[in-house]
C-alpha cells in the first residue's frame, strides 16, 4: 500500500471533530471515525500525493508509526472510504 496512490472516495465527506474527524460515505451510509488529526491530514493528503508513503511523510507521521497508519488506511479502503487511483 505504501507505494500505491489512493484518494478519499468522491462519495465521502469528512467532518472535523476534536479527536480527528468523522467520515461519512453517502453511497453506503457507512460512518468511520478518524481518531487522530494526523490520520485526517494523511487522508486529506492522499489525493495530492503520488503514494501513501509520501502522504504519510508530508503529514509528519514518524516512520515508526507507519504500520499503524497503514492498518487504519486498509480499514478505510475495505469500507470504501478511500479508493485506489492511477499513479
Protein backbone atom coordinates (compact mmCIF):
# COMPACT_ATOMS: atom_id res chain seq x y z
CA UNK A 1 0.00 0.00 0.00
CA UNK A 2 2.86 2.41 0.75
CA UNK A 3 3.86 2.56 -2.92
CA UNK A 4 0.28 2.95 -4.21
CA UNK A 5 -1.78 6.05 -4.95
CA UNK A 6 -5.07 6.44 -3.07
CA UNK A 7 -7.66 9.17 -2.53
CA UNK A 8 -10.73 9.87 -0.47
CA UNK A 9 -13.73 8.42 -2.33
CA UNK A 10 -15.84 11.09 -4.02
CA UNK A 11 -18.91 9.99 -2.05
CA UNK A 12 -17.23 10.57 1.31
CA UNK A 13 -17.42 13.72 3.40
CA UNK A 14 -15.13 14.46 6.33
CA UNK A 15 -16.47 16.36 9.32
CA UNK A 16 -13.77 17.75 11.60
CA UNK A 17 -14.05 16.77 15.27
CA UNK A 18 -11.78 17.48 18.27
CA UNK A 19 -10.45 13.89 18.13
CA UNK A 20 -9.89 13.89 14.34
CA UNK A 21 -12.88 13.54 12.00
CA UNK A 22 -15.97 11.60 11.08
CA UNK A 23 -16.02 10.15 7.59
CA UNK A 24 -19.47 9.56 6.11
CA UNK A 25 -19.99 7.62 2.86
CA UNK A 26 -23.18 8.86 1.21
CA UNK A 27 -23.47 5.77 -1.00
CA UNK A 28 -23.18 3.10 1.66
CA UNK A 29 -24.24 5.27 4.62
CA UNK A 30 -21.21 3.97 6.47
CA UNK A 31 -19.66 6.11 9.18
CA UNK A 32 -15.99 5.82 10.18
CA UNK A 33 -14.00 7.57 12.85
CA UNK A 34 -10.60 9.00 12.01
CA UNK A 35 -9.21 9.03 15.52
CA UNK A 36 -6.28 11.43 15.17
CA UNK A 37 -5.74 14.76 13.43
CA UNK A 38 -2.64 13.22 11.82
CA UNK A 39 -4.74 10.48 10.19
CA UNK A 40 -7.09 13.17 8.88
CA UNK A 41 -4.08 15.01 7.41
CA UNK A 42 -2.91 11.79 5.75
CA UNK A 43 -6.35 11.05 4.27
CA UNK A 44 -6.73 14.62 3.01
CA UNK A 45 -3.23 14.50 1.51
CA UNK A 46 -3.72 11.23 -0.37
CA UNK A 47 -5.25 12.87 -3.46
CA UNK A 48 -2.30 15.20 -3.97
CA UNK A 49 0.42 12.69 -3.08
CA UNK A 50 1.90 10.22 -5.57
CA UNK A 51 1.96 7.46 -2.91
CA UNK A 52 0.74 6.69 0.58
CA UNK A 53 4.34 6.91 1.81
CA UNK A 54 4.59 10.49 0.55
CA UNK A 55 1.26 11.38 2.18
CA UNK A 56 2.49 9.96 5.49
CA UNK A 57 5.78 11.84 5.23
CA UNK A 58 4.06 15.11 4.30
CA UNK A 59 1.65 14.75 7.24
CA UNK A 60 4.65 14.45 9.56
CA UNK A 61 3.95 10.88 10.66
CA UNK A 62 7.15 9.27 12.04
CA UNK A 63 8.17 6.15 10.10
CA UNK A 64 7.92 4.07 13.27
CA UNK A 65 4.17 4.78 13.29
CA UNK A 66 3.57 3.98 9.60
CA UNK A 67 2.41 0.37 10.21
CA UNK A 68 -0.45 1.60 12.41
CA UNK A 69 -1.45 4.21 9.84
CA UNK A 70 -1.31 1.68 7.01
CA UNK A 71 -3.58 -0.60 9.05
CA UNK A 72 -6.02 2.29 9.52
CA UNK A 73 -5.89 3.11 5.80
CA UNK A 74 -6.51 -0.53 4.92
CA UNK A 75 -9.61 -0.42 7.10
CA UNK A 76 -10.79 2.72 5.33
CA UNK A 77 -10.13 1.06 1.97
CA UNK A 78 -12.10 -2.03 2.97
CA UNK A 79 -15.01 0.22 3.93
CA UNK A 80 -14.83 2.12 0.64
CA UNK A 81 -13.83 5.40 2.29
CA UNK A 82 -10.66 5.63 0.24
CA UNK A 83 -10.11 4.21 -3.24
CA UNK A 84 -7.04 3.36 -5.26
CA UNK A 85 -6.23 5.73 -8.10
CA UNK A 86 -3.88 5.66 -11.05
CA UNK A 87 -0.40 6.79 -10.06
